[in-house]
């Protein structure tokens, strides 16, 4: 016969089993919180430096954007007038459009070229014969952008390397002062950005290709896939995270471009290559309109943040 109090005994055993589990959870929580405090202690030096040199200056820039100030005399509070000027002045708006247009040169062209080069190098014995080429293409990431601008300004001169090559192949009619031409100056500066970013994309994509399982390529070849089909079926899906990183980095470089434009054209001829970075420098240090320059800097930083967040969300949803 089954004892009458068997159910109550089972309940008691279950409650007794719950007590040690709750005690273990209580013990685990203090340990995890302690680990979090230790982690914050390790992060504290970097956070302090970041706060001192990034967050606080940005907050000060935000404060100055509400004032009309020439950098010397006391500022006058104007509210949102500087932002109204930024969003209505044709010169300020054109500089923002120029920066957005640079995305094609800094992002689309380098990523496309980097993918093709990485795929070619990946098929040629995993890039053993292309070490020198990779090094040469990555050099622009090592050389300061000011030096890059100086070199390309010399190459684009009337007697520079570009025009000499055109004359050598019989295209004398194509020669011109590239950086002084209202039509071609923007494209000439944009191609410099493409050259700078291509090496970064190539190295990033090659690192991603090395982590792709080689059995996938073998299966694709067994199925009769050629080089193009293998690229779209195996390589491109395997580089999704690397492409996301490349898009983010290159878009930031395009919107925040300053060094190359300032050294090569200074925003000219006219305003054909003017970008927000150069215009901020002009307003703050030449025109004495520090408040307007700060408002443009805030708008630019918000635009960059919005674009980066959008890219991150799109790539996260696709992955």
C-alpha atoms as a PDB file:
ATOM      1  CA  UNK A   1       0.000   0.000   0.000  1.00  0.00           C
ATOM      2  CA  UNK A   2       1.172   3.520  -0.821  1.00  0.00           C
ATOM      3  CA  UNK A   3       1.710   5.699   2.251  1.00  0.00           C
ATOM      4  CA  UNK A   4      -0.801   8.490   2.695  1.00  0.00           C
ATOM      5  CA  UNK A   5       1.834  11.197   3.181  1.00  0.00           C
ATOM      6  CA  UNK A   6       3.884  10.339   0.059  1.00  0.00           C
ATOM      7  CA  UNK A   7       2.836  13.474  -1.926  1.00  0.00           C
ATOM      8  CA  UNK A   8       3.772  15.756   0.961  1.00  0.00           C
ATOM      9  CA  UNK A   9       7.128  13.992   1.207  1.00  0.00           C
ATOM     10  CA  UNK A  10       7.748  14.652  -2.529  1.00  0.00           C
ATOM     11  CA  UNK A  11       6.840  18.299  -2.110  1.00  0.00           C
ATOM     12  CA  UNK A  12       9.243  18.542   0.789  1.00  0.00           C
ATOM     13  CA  UNK A  13      12.029  16.980  -1.261  1.00  0.00           C
ATOM     14  CA  UNK A  14      11.349  19.413  -4.136  1.00  0.00           C
ATOM     15  CA  UNK A  15      11.380  22.420  -1.790  1.00  0.00           C
ATOM     16  CA  UNK A  16      14.592  21.142  -0.243  1.00  0.00           C
ATOM     17  CA  UNK A  17      16.119  20.898  -3.719  1.00  0.00           C
ATOM     18  CA  UNK A  18      15.024  24.477  -4.519  1.00  0.00           C
ATOM     19  CA  UNK A  19      16.758  25.928  -1.461  1.00  0.00           C
ATOM     20  CA  UNK A  20      20.314  24.990  -2.504  1.00  0.00           C
ATOM     21  CA  UNK A  21      19.601  26.270  -6.042  1.00  0.00           C
ATOM     22  CA  UNK A  22      18.458  29.648  -4.680  1.00  0.00           C
ATOM     23  CA  UNK A  23      21.524  29.781  -2.452  1.00  0.00           C
ATOM     24  CA  UNK A  24      23.784  29.081  -5.414  1.00  0.00           C
ATOM     25  CA  UNK A  25      22.081  31.872  -7.386  1.00  0.00           C
ATOM     26  CA  UNK A  26      22.636  34.247  -4.497  1.00  0.00           C
ATOM     27  CA  UNK A  27      26.269  33.277  -4.416  1.00  0.00           C
ATOM     28  CA  UNK A  28      26.614  33.668  -8.189  1.00  0.00           C
ATOM     29  CA  UNK A  29      25.155  37.177  -8.233  1.00  0.00           C
ATOM     30  CA  UNK A  30      27.732  38.743  -5.897  1.00  0.00           C
ATOM     31  CA  UNK A  31      30.491  37.055  -7.885  1.00  0.00           C
ATOM     32  CA  UNK A  32      29.196  38.405 -11.192  1.00  0.00           C
ATOM     33  CA  UNK A  33      28.715  41.892  -9.782  1.00  0.00           C
ATOM     34  CA  UNK A  34      32.214  41.753  -8.330  1.00  0.00           C
ATOM     35  CA  UNK A  35      33.598  40.764 -11.721  1.00  0.00           C
ATOM     36  CA  UNK A  36      31.749  43.676 -13.302  1.00  0.00           C
ATOM     37  CA  UNK A  37      33.255  46.104 -10.791  1.00  0.00           C
ATOM     38  CA  UNK A  38      36.726  44.712 -11.499  1.00  0.00           C
ATOM     39  CA  UNK A  39      36.107  45.048 -15.247  1.00  0.00           C
ATOM     40  CA  UNK A  40      35.081  48.694 -14.802  1.00  0.00           C
ATOM     41  CA  UNK A  41      38.262  49.305 -12.813  1.00  0.00           C
ATOM     42  CA  UNK A  42      40.319  48.020 -15.739  1.00  0.00           C
ATOM     43  CA  UNK A  43      38.325  50.199 -18.142  1.00  0.00           C
ATOM     44  CA  UNK A  44      38.499  53.291 -15.932  1.00  0.00           C
ATOM     45  CA  UNK A  45      41.853  54.675 -17.249  1.00  0.00           C
ATOM     46  CA  UNK A  46      40.725  54.433 -20.876  1.00  0.00           C
ATOM     47  CA  UNK A  47      37.307  55.871 -20.026  1.00  0.00           C
ATOM     48  CA  UNK A  48      38.913  58.799 -18.198  1.00  0.00           C
ATOM     49  CA  UNK A  49      41.158  59.580 -21.154  1.00  0.00           C
ATOM     50  CA  UNK A  50      38.240  59.246 -23.591  1.00  0.00           C
ATOM     51  CA  UNK A  51      36.093  61.492 -21.430  1.00  0.00           C
ATOM     52  CA  UNK A  52      38.817  64.126 -21.075  1.00  0.00           C
ATOM     53  CA  UNK A  53      39.776  64.297 -24.751  1.00  0.00           C
ATOM     54  CA  UNK A  54      36.557  63.355 -26.585  1.00  0.00           C
ATOM     55  CA  UNK A  55      33.359  63.693 -24.548  1.00  0.00           C
ATOM     56  CA  UNK A  56      34.162  66.921 -22.674  1.00  0.00           C
ATOM     57  CA  UNK A  57      35.477  68.756 -25.784  1.00  0.00           C
ATOM     58  CA  UNK A  58      32.397  67.656 -27.714  1.00  0.00           C
ATOM     59  CA  UNK A  59      30.130  68.946 -24.950  1.00  0.00           C
ATOM     60  CA  UNK A  60      32.062  72.233 -24.972  1.00  0.00           C
ATOM     61  CA  UNK A  61      31.612  72.401 -28.747  1.00  0.00           C
ATOM     62  CA  UNK A  62      27.889  71.835 -28.259  1.00  0.00           C
ATOM     63  CA  UNK A  63      27.802  74.684 -25.745  1.00  0.00           C
ATOM     64  CA  UNK A  64      29.651  77.086 -28.058  1.00  0.00           C
ATOM     65  CA  UNK A  65      27.277  76.267 -30.921  1.00  0.00           C
ATOM     66  CA  UNK A  66      24.568  78.284 -29.162  1.00  0.00           C
ATOM     67  CA  UNK A  67      26.714  81.452 -29.064  1.00  0.00           C
ATOM     68  CA  UNK A  68      27.945  84.019 -31.554  1.00  0.00           C
ATOM     69  CA  UNK A  69      31.643  84.148 -30.712  1.00  0.00           C
ATOM     70  CA  UNK A  70      34.740  85.265 -32.592  1.00  0.00           C
ATOM     71  CA  UNK A  71      37.164  83.438 -30.310  1.00  0.00           C
ATOM     72  CA  UNK A  72      38.354  86.610 -28.527  1.00  0.00           C
ATOM     73  CA  UNK A  73      35.537  88.811 -27.248  1.00  0.00           C
ATOM     74  CA  UNK A  74      32.770  87.522 -24.945  1.00  0.00           C
ATOM     75  CA  UNK A  75      30.195  85.414 -26.746  1.00  0.00           C
ATOM     76  CA  UNK A  76      26.524  86.325 -27.202  1.00  0.00           C
ATOM     77  CA  UNK A  77      23.857  83.671 -26.717  1.00  0.00           C
ATOM     78  CA  UNK A  78      21.860  83.254 -29.945  1.00  0.00           C
ATOM     79  CA  UNK A  79      19.972  80.016 -29.312  1.00  0.00           C
ATOM     80  CA  UNK A  80      19.453  77.991 -32.479  1.00  0.00           C
ATOM     81  CA  UNK A  81      20.469  80.742 -34.920  1.00  0.00           C
ATOM     82  CA  UNK A  82      23.741  79.018 -35.806  1.00  0.00           C
ATOM     83  CA  UNK A  83      21.898  75.796 -36.614  1.00  0.00           C
ATOM     84  CA  UNK A  84      19.397  77.696 -38.762  1.00  0.00           C
ATOM     85  CA  UNK A  85      22.322  79.156 -40.667  1.00  0.00           C
ATOM     86  CA  UNK A  86      23.900  75.739 -41.144  1.00  0.00           C
ATOM     87  CA  UNK A  87      20.670  74.272 -42.493  1.00  0.00           C
ATOM     88  CA  UNK A  88      19.889  77.239 -44.775  1.00  0.00           C
ATOM     89  CA  UNK A  89      23.250  78.566 -46.020  1.00  0.00           C
ATOM     90  CA  UNK A  90      23.904  77.204 -49.545  1.00  0.00           C
ATOM     91  CA  UNK A  91      27.662  77.005 -48.936  1.00  0.00           C
ATOM     92  CA  UNK A  92      27.238  74.971 -45.757  1.00  0.00           C
ATOM     93  CA  UNK A  93      24.714  72.661 -47.391  1.00  0.00           C
ATOM     94  CA  UNK A  94      26.918  72.143 -50.459  1.00  0.00           C
ATOM     95  CA  UNK A  95      29.820  71.135 -48.208  1.00  0.00           C
ATOM     96  CA  UNK A  96      27.617  68.472 -46.612  1.00  0.00           C
ATOM     97  CA  UNK A  97      26.563  67.201 -50.051  1.00  0.00           C
ATOM     98  CA  UNK A  98      30.198  67.047 -51.139  1.00  0.00           C
ATOM     99  CA  UNK A  99      31.008  64.925 -48.078  1.00  0.00           C
ATOM    100  CA  UNK A 100      28.106  62.587 -48.857  1.00  0.00           C
ATOM    101  CA  UNK A 101      29.320  62.333 -52.455  1.00  0.00           C
ATOM    102  CA  UNK A 102      32.742  61.251 -51.233  1.00  0.00           C
ATOM    103  CA  UNK A 103      31.103  58.056 -49.951  1.00  0.00           C
ATOM    104  CA  UNK A 104      31.190  56.823 -53.538  1.00  0.00           C
ATOM    105  CA  UNK A 105      34.971  57.344 -53.700  1.00  0.00           C
ATOM    106  CA  UNK A 106      35.882  56.400 -50.125  1.00  0.00           C
ATOM    107  CA  UNK A 107      33.457  53.478 -49.727  1.00  0.00           C
ATOM    108  CA  UNK A 108      31.961  52.006 -52.905  1.00  0.00           C
ATOM    109  CA  UNK A 109      35.046  51.996 -55.132  1.00  0.00           C
ATOM    110  CA  UNK A 110      37.531  50.750 -52.479  1.00  0.00           C
ATOM    111  CA  UNK A 111      35.190  47.990 -51.291  1.00  0.00           C
ATOM    112  CA  UNK A 112      34.510  46.823 -54.839  1.00  0.00           C
ATOM    113  CA  UNK A 113      38.218  46.877 -55.718  1.00  0.00           C
ATOM    114  CA  UNK A 114      39.159  45.259 -52.409  1.00  0.00           C
ATOM    115  CA  UNK A 115      36.694  42.410 -52.936  1.00  0.00           C
ATOM    116  CA  UNK A 116      37.976  41.690 -56.440  1.00  0.00           C
ATOM    117  CA  UNK A 117      41.633  41.853 -55.392  1.00  0.00           C
ATOM    118  CA  UNK A 118      41.015  39.717 -52.309  1.00  0.00           C
ATOM    119  CA  UNK A 119      39.212  37.090 -54.387  1.00  0.00           C
ATOM    120  CA  UNK A 120      42.060  37.000 -56.931  1.00  0.00           C
ATOM    121  CA  UNK A 121      44.703  36.777 -54.226  1.00  0.00           C
ATOM    122  CA  UNK A 122      42.705  34.123 -52.381  1.00  0.00           C
ATOM    123  CA  UNK A 123      42.628  31.849 -55.445  1.00  0.00           C
ATOM    124  CA  UNK A 124      46.349  32.266 -56.168  1.00  0.00           C
ATOM    125  CA  UNK A 125      47.773  29.927 -53.532  1.00  0.00           C
ATOM    126  CA  UNK A 126      46.259  31.954 -50.702  1.00  0.00           C
ATOM    127  CA  UNK A 127      48.193  35.052 -51.667  1.00  0.00           C
ATOM    128  CA  UNK A 128      51.754  33.755 -51.402  1.00  0.00           C
ATOM    129  CA  UNK A 129      52.770  35.489 -54.609  1.00  0.00           C
ATOM    130  CA  UNK A 130      51.067  38.795 -53.764  1.00  0.00           C
ATOM    131  CA  UNK A 131      52.797  39.813 -50.532  1.00  0.00           C
ATOM    132  CA  UNK A 132      54.579  42.746 -52.147  1.00  0.00           C
ATOM    133  CA  UNK A 133      51.385  43.908 -53.865  1.00  0.00           C
ATOM    134  CA  UNK A 134      49.453  43.812 -50.579  1.00  0.00           C
ATOM    135  CA  UNK A 135      52.201  45.778 -48.875  1.00  0.00           C
ATOM    136  CA  UNK A 136      52.235  48.443 -51.579  1.00  0.00           C
ATOM    137  CA  UNK A 137      48.445  48.798 -51.510  1.00  0.00           C
ATOM    138  CA  UNK A 138      48.408  49.085 -47.712  1.00  0.00           C
ATOM    139  CA  UNK A 139      51.118  51.773 -47.612  1.00  0.00           C
ATOM    140  CA  UNK A 140      48.611  54.688 -47.806  1.00  0.00           C
ATOM    141  CA  UNK A 141      47.282  53.611 -44.398  1.00  0.00           C
ATOM    142  CA  UNK A 142      50.773  54.028 -42.940  1.00  0.00           C
ATOM    143  CA  UNK A 143      51.790  57.265 -44.667  1.00  0.00           C
ATOM    144  CA  UNK A 144      50.287  60.425 -43.059  1.00  0.00           C
ATOM    145  CA  UNK A 145      47.409  61.831 -45.079  1.00  0.00           C
ATOM    146  CA  UNK A 146      49.150  65.215 -45.285  1.00  0.00           C
ATOM    147  CA  UNK A 147      52.066  63.537 -47.078  1.00  0.00           C
ATOM    148  CA  UNK A 148      49.575  61.708 -49.322  1.00  0.00           C
ATOM    149  CA  UNK A 149      47.973  65.035 -50.240  1.00  0.00           C
ATOM    150  CA  UNK A 150      51.351  66.616 -51.043  1.00  0.00           C
ATOM    151  CA  UNK A 151      52.357  63.679 -53.251  1.00  0.00           C
ATOM    152  CA  UNK A 152      49.106  63.695 -55.215  1.00  0.00           C
ATOM    153  CA  UNK A 153      49.137  67.477 -55.571  1.00  0.00           C
ATOM    154  CA  UNK A 154      52.483  67.112 -57.315  1.00  0.00           C
ATOM    155  CA  UNK A 155      51.204  64.218 -59.435  1.00  0.00           C
ATOM    156  CA  UNK A 156      48.137  66.219 -60.527  1.00  0.00           C
ATOM    157  CA  UNK A 157      50.176  69.304 -61.481  1.00  0.00           C
ATOM    158  CA  UNK A 158      50.373  70.457 -65.115  1.00  0.00           C
ATOM    159  CA  UNK A 159      53.796  68.870 -65.471  1.00  0.00           C
ATOM    160  CA  UNK A 160      53.049  66.071 -62.991  1.00  0.00           C
ATOM    161  CA  UNK A 161      53.014  62.320 -63.398  1.00  0.00           C
ATOM    162  CA  UNK A 162      49.368  62.057 -64.485  1.00  0.00           C
ATOM    163  CA  UNK A 163      49.747  64.464 -67.403  1.00  0.00           C
ATOM    164  CA  UNK A 164      53.096  62.946 -68.372  1.00  0.00           C
ATOM    165  CA  UNK A 165      51.488  59.512 -68.634  1.00  0.00           C
ATOM    166  CA  UNK A 166      48.646  60.917 -70.731  1.00  0.00           C
ATOM    167  CA  UNK A 167      51.111  62.566 -73.107  1.00  0.00           C
ATOM    168  CA  UNK A 168      53.110  59.342 -73.310  1.00  0.00           C
ATOM    169  CA  UNK A 169      50.071  57.438 -74.643  1.00  0.00           C
ATOM    170  CA  UNK A 170      49.033  60.203 -77.036  1.00  0.00           C
ATOM    171  CA  UNK A 171      46.193  61.704 -74.987  1.00  0.00           C
ATOM    172  CA  UNK A 172      47.500  65.275 -74.962  1.00  0.00           C
ATOM    173  CA  UNK A 173      43.983  66.690 -75.174  1.00  0.00           C
ATOM    174  CA  UNK A 174      43.152  65.101 -71.808  1.00  0.00           C
ATOM    175  CA  UNK A 175      45.928  66.901 -69.943  1.00  0.00           C
ATOM    176  CA  UNK A 176      44.856  69.707 -67.644  1.00  0.00           C
ATOM    177  CA  UNK A 177      45.495  71.262 -64.235  1.00  0.00           C
ATOM    178  CA  UNK A 178      43.376  68.647 -62.515  1.00  0.00           C
ATOM    179  CA  UNK A 179      43.147  70.296 -59.104  1.00  0.00           C
ATOM    180  CA  UNK A 180      42.362  73.685 -60.646  1.00  0.00           C
ATOM    181  CA  UNK A 181      39.606  72.472 -62.948  1.00  0.00           C
ATOM    182  CA  UNK A 182      36.061  73.200 -61.729  1.00  0.00           C
ATOM    183  CA  UNK A 183      34.750  70.024 -63.366  1.00  0.00           C
ATOM    184  CA  UNK A 184      37.461  67.492 -62.526  1.00  0.00           C
ATOM    185  CA  UNK A 185      38.902  68.700 -59.214  1.00  0.00           C
ATOM    186  CA  UNK A 186      36.227  66.919 -57.156  1.00  0.00           C
ATOM    187  CA  UNK A 187      36.801  63.613 -58.966  1.00  0.00           C
ATOM    188  CA  UNK A 188      40.575  63.990 -58.707  1.00  0.00           C
ATOM    189  CA  UNK A 189      40.422  64.448 -54.939  1.00  0.00           C
ATOM    190  CA  UNK A 190      37.889  61.625 -54.601  1.00  0.00           C
ATOM    191  CA  UNK A 191      40.180  59.201 -56.423  1.00  0.00           C
ATOM    192  CA  UNK A 192      42.896  59.970 -53.887  1.00  0.00           C
ATOM    193  CA  UNK A 193      40.493  58.798 -51.194  1.00  0.00           C
ATOM    194  CA  UNK A 194      39.787  55.647 -53.200  1.00  0.00           C
ATOM    195  CA  UNK A 195      43.513  54.936 -53.420  1.00  0.00           C
ATOM    196  CA  UNK A 196      43.945  55.434 -49.681  1.00  0.00           C
ATOM    197  CA  UNK A 197      41.094  53.133 -48.682  1.00  0.00           C
ATOM    198  CA  UNK A 198      41.594  50.300 -51.174  1.00  0.00           C
ATOM    199  CA  UNK A 199      44.558  48.817 -49.303  1.00  0.00           C
ATOM    200  CA  UNK A 200      42.649  48.797 -46.025  1.00  0.00           C
ATOM    201  CA  UNK A 201      39.701  46.983 -47.612  1.00  0.00           C
ATOM    202  CA  UNK A 202      42.009  44.471 -49.301  1.00  0.00           C
ATOM    203  CA  UNK A 203      43.799  43.510 -46.083  1.00  0.00           C
ATOM    204  CA  UNK A 204      40.510  43.349 -44.174  1.00  0.00           C
ATOM    205  CA  UNK A 205      38.878  41.105 -46.772  1.00  0.00           C
ATOM    206  CA  UNK A 206      41.903  38.855 -47.043  1.00  0.00           C
ATOM    207  CA  UNK A 207      41.809  38.283 -43.300  1.00  0.00           C
ATOM    208  CA  UNK A 208      38.140  37.353 -43.663  1.00  0.00           C
ATOM    209  CA  UNK A 209      38.791  34.939 -46.530  1.00  0.00           C
ATOM    210  CA  UNK A 210      41.332  33.034 -44.451  1.00  0.00           C
ATOM    211  CA  UNK A 211      38.654  32.149 -41.891  1.00  0.00           C
ATOM    212  CA  UNK A 212      36.253  30.728 -44.507  1.00  0.00           C
ATOM    213  CA  UNK A 213      36.175  26.942 -44.439  1.00  0.00           C
ATOM    214  CA  UNK A 214      38.118  25.593 -47.445  1.00  0.00           C
ATOM    215  CA  UNK A 215      35.671  22.698 -47.740  1.00  0.00           C
ATOM    216  CA  UNK A 216      33.088  25.183 -49.005  1.00  0.00           C
ATOM    217  CA  UNK A 217      35.337  26.087 -51.915  1.00  0.00           C
ATOM    218  CA  UNK A 218      36.010  22.418 -52.620  1.00  0.00           C
ATOM    219  CA  UNK A 219      32.282  21.679 -52.639  1.00  0.00           C
ATOM    220  CA  UNK A 220      31.649  24.585 -54.988  1.00  0.00           C
ATOM    221  CA  UNK A 221      34.335  23.361 -57.394  1.00  0.00           C
ATOM    222  CA  UNK A 222      32.942  19.825 -57.300  1.00  0.00           C
ATOM    223  CA  UNK A 223      29.558  21.263 -58.261  1.00  0.00           C
ATOM    224  CA  UNK A 224      31.223  22.876 -61.263  1.00  0.00           C
ATOM    225  CA  UNK A 225      31.249  26.456 -59.990  1.00  0.00           C
ATOM    226  CA  UNK A 226      33.598  28.827 -61.763  1.00  0.00           C
ATOM    227  CA  UNK A 227      35.518  31.725 -60.274  1.00  0.00           C
ATOM    228  CA  UNK A 228      32.614  34.184 -60.483  1.00  0.00           C
ATOM    229  CA  UNK A 229      30.012  31.810 -59.089  1.00  0.00           C
ATOM    230  CA  UNK A 230      32.407  30.707 -56.342  1.00  0.00           C
ATOM    231  CA  UNK A 231      32.910  34.360 -55.382  1.00  0.00           C
ATOM    232  CA  UNK A 232      29.184  35.119 -55.075  1.00  0.00           C
ATOM    233  CA  UNK A 233      28.247  31.786 -53.474  1.00  0.00           C
ATOM    234  CA  UNK A 234      31.080  31.354 -50.961  1.00  0.00           C
ATOM    235  CA  UNK A 235      33.412  34.341 -50.638  1.00  0.00           C
ATOM    236  CA  UNK A 236      30.892  37.181 -50.530  1.00  0.00           C
ATOM    237  CA  UNK A 237      28.594  35.615 -47.874  1.00  0.00           C
ATOM    238  CA  UNK A 238      31.626  34.696 -45.788  1.00  0.00           C
ATOM    239  CA  UNK A 239      32.847  38.318 -45.765  1.00  0.00           C
ATOM    240  CA  UNK A 240      29.607  39.818 -44.455  1.00  0.00           C
ATOM    241  CA  UNK A 241      31.043  41.005 -41.137  1.00  0.00           C
ATOM    242  CA  UNK A 242      34.234  42.334 -42.776  1.00  0.00           C
ATOM    243  CA  UNK A 243      32.182  44.260 -45.334  1.00  0.00           C
ATOM    244  CA  UNK A 244      30.175  45.796 -42.483  1.00  0.00           C
ATOM    245  CA  UNK A 245      33.369  46.959 -40.783  1.00  0.00           C
ATOM    246  CA  UNK A 246      34.789  48.285 -44.059  1.00  0.00           C
ATOM    247  CA  UNK A 247      31.618  50.241 -44.835  1.00  0.00           C
ATOM    248  CA  UNK A 248      31.572  51.791 -41.376  1.00  0.00           C
ATOM    249  CA  UNK A 249      35.237  52.818 -41.405  1.00  0.00           C
ATOM    250  CA  UNK A 250      35.222  54.191 -44.952  1.00  0.00           C
ATOM    251  CA  UNK A 251      31.958  56.117 -44.524  1.00  0.00           C
ATOM    252  CA  UNK A 252      33.369  57.822 -41.437  1.00  0.00           C
ATOM    253  CA  UNK A 253      36.527  58.674 -43.401  1.00  0.00           C
ATOM    254  CA  UNK A 254      34.432  60.124 -46.236  1.00  0.00           C
ATOM    255  CA  UNK A 255      32.228  62.316 -44.044  1.00  0.00           C
ATOM    256  CA  UNK A 256      35.100  63.472 -41.824  1.00  0.00           C
ATOM    257  CA  UNK A 257      37.567  64.061 -44.686  1.00  0.00           C
ATOM    258  CA  UNK A 258      39.871  67.043 -44.154  1.00  0.00           C
ATOM    259  CA  UNK A 259      43.599  66.373 -44.626  1.00  0.00           C
ATOM    260  CA  UNK A 260      43.650  65.388 -48.286  1.00  0.00           C
ATOM    261  CA  UNK A 261      41.188  68.094 -49.364  1.00  0.00           C
ATOM    262  CA  UNK A 262      42.914  70.839 -47.375  1.00  0.00           C
ATOM    263  CA  UNK A 263      46.376  69.983 -48.719  1.00  0.00           C
ATOM    264  CA  UNK A 264      45.418  69.394 -52.368  1.00  0.00           C
ATOM    265  CA  UNK A 265      42.787  72.062 -53.115  1.00  0.00           C
ATOM    266  CA  UNK A 266      41.895  73.816 -49.854  1.00  0.00           C
ATOM    267  CA  UNK A 267      38.254  73.424 -50.876  1.00  0.00           C
ATOM    268  CA  UNK A 268      38.725  75.029 -54.295  1.00  0.00           C
ATOM    269  CA  UNK A 269      38.572  75.897 -57.044  1.00  0.00           C
ATOM    270  CA  UNK A 270      35.751  78.031 -55.749  1.00  0.00           C
ATOM    271  CA  UNK A 271      33.770  75.723 -53.493  1.00  0.00           C
ATOM    272  CA  UNK A 272      33.813  72.702 -55.817  1.00  0.00           C
ATOM    273  CA  UNK A 273      35.684  70.475 -53.335  1.00  0.00           C
ATOM    274  CA  UNK A 274      34.638  72.170 -50.101  1.00  0.00           C
ATOM    275  CA  UNK A 275      33.801  69.670 -47.326  1.00  0.00           C
ATOM    276  CA  UNK A 276      32.589  70.301 -43.764  1.00  0.00           C
ATOM    277  CA  UNK A 277      36.021  69.687 -42.233  1.00  0.00           C
ATOM    278  CA  UNK A 278      37.659  72.407 -44.331  1.00  0.00           C
ATOM    279  CA  UNK A 279      34.719  74.764 -43.846  1.00  0.00           C
ATOM    280  CA  UNK A 280      34.833  74.301 -40.070  1.00  0.00           C
ATOM    281  CA  UNK A 281      38.509  75.273 -40.154  1.00  0.00           C
ATOM    282  CA  UNK A 282      37.753  78.347 -42.264  1.00  0.00           C
ATOM    283  CA  UNK A 283      34.894  79.530 -40.084  1.00  0.00           C
ATOM    284  CA  UNK A 284      36.720  79.027 -36.800  1.00  0.00           C
ATOM    285  CA  UNK A 285      40.249  80.223 -37.638  1.00  0.00           C
ATOM    286  CA  UNK A 286      39.801  82.564 -40.619  1.00  0.00           C
ATOM    287  CA  UNK A 287      36.331  84.098 -40.504  1.00  0.00           C
ATOM    288  CA  UNK A 288      36.089  84.278 -36.701  1.00  0.00           C
ATOM    289  CA  UNK A 289      32.694  82.538 -36.640  1.00  0.00           C
ATOM    290  CA  UNK A 290      33.432  79.975 -33.949  1.00  0.00           C
ATOM    291  CA  UNK A 291      29.787  79.470 -33.018  1.00  0.00           C
ATOM    292  CA  UNK A 292      28.776  78.623 -36.594  1.00  0.00           C
ATOM    293  CA  UNK A 293      31.784  76.331 -36.933  1.00  0.00           C
ATOM    294  CA  UNK A 294      30.781  74.495 -33.754  1.00  0.00           C
ATOM    295  CA  UNK A 295      27.191  74.152 -34.971  1.00  0.00           C
ATOM    296  CA  UNK A 296      28.430  72.662 -38.244  1.00  0.00           C
ATOM    297  CA  UNK A 297      30.704  70.299 -36.291  1.00  0.00           C
ATOM    298  CA  UNK A 298      27.769  69.133 -34.167  1.00  0.00           C
ATOM    299  CA  UNK A 299      25.591  68.571 -37.245  1.00  0.00           C
ATOM    300  CA  UNK A 300      28.410  66.653 -38.919  1.00  0.00           C
ATOM    301  CA  UNK A 301      28.998  64.446 -35.862  1.00  0.00           C
ATOM    302  CA  UNK A 302      25.277  63.701 -35.605  1.00  0.00           C
ATOM    303  CA  UNK A 303      25.159  62.867 -39.318  1.00  0.00           C
ATOM    304  CA  UNK A 304      28.096  60.481 -38.960  1.00  0.00           C
ATOM    305  CA  UNK A 305      26.511  58.844 -35.910  1.00  0.00           C
ATOM    306  CA  UNK A 306      23.190  58.433 -37.723  1.00  0.00           C
ATOM    307  CA  UNK A 307      24.834  56.886 -40.790  1.00  0.00           C
ATOM    308  CA  UNK A 308      26.959  54.515 -38.687  1.00  0.00           C
ATOM    309  CA  UNK A 309      23.969  53.412 -36.597  1.00  0.00           C
ATOM    310  CA  UNK A 310      21.948  52.822 -39.770  1.00  0.00           C
ATOM    311  CA  UNK A 311      24.746  50.723 -41.278  1.00  0.00           C
ATOM    312  CA  UNK A 312      25.080  48.718 -38.074  1.00  0.00           C
ATOM    313  CA  UNK A 313      21.356  48.060 -37.896  1.00  0.00           C
ATOM    314  CA  UNK A 314      21.090  47.012 -41.538  1.00  0.00           C
ATOM    315  CA  UNK A 315      24.034  44.627 -41.313  1.00  0.00           C
ATOM    316  CA  UNK A 316      22.755  43.215 -38.009  1.00  0.00           C
ATOM    317  CA  UNK A 317      19.324  42.492 -39.483  1.00  0.00           C
ATOM    318  CA  UNK A 318      20.826  40.776 -42.510  1.00  0.00           C
ATOM    319  CA  UNK A 319      23.138  38.649 -40.394  1.00  0.00           C
END
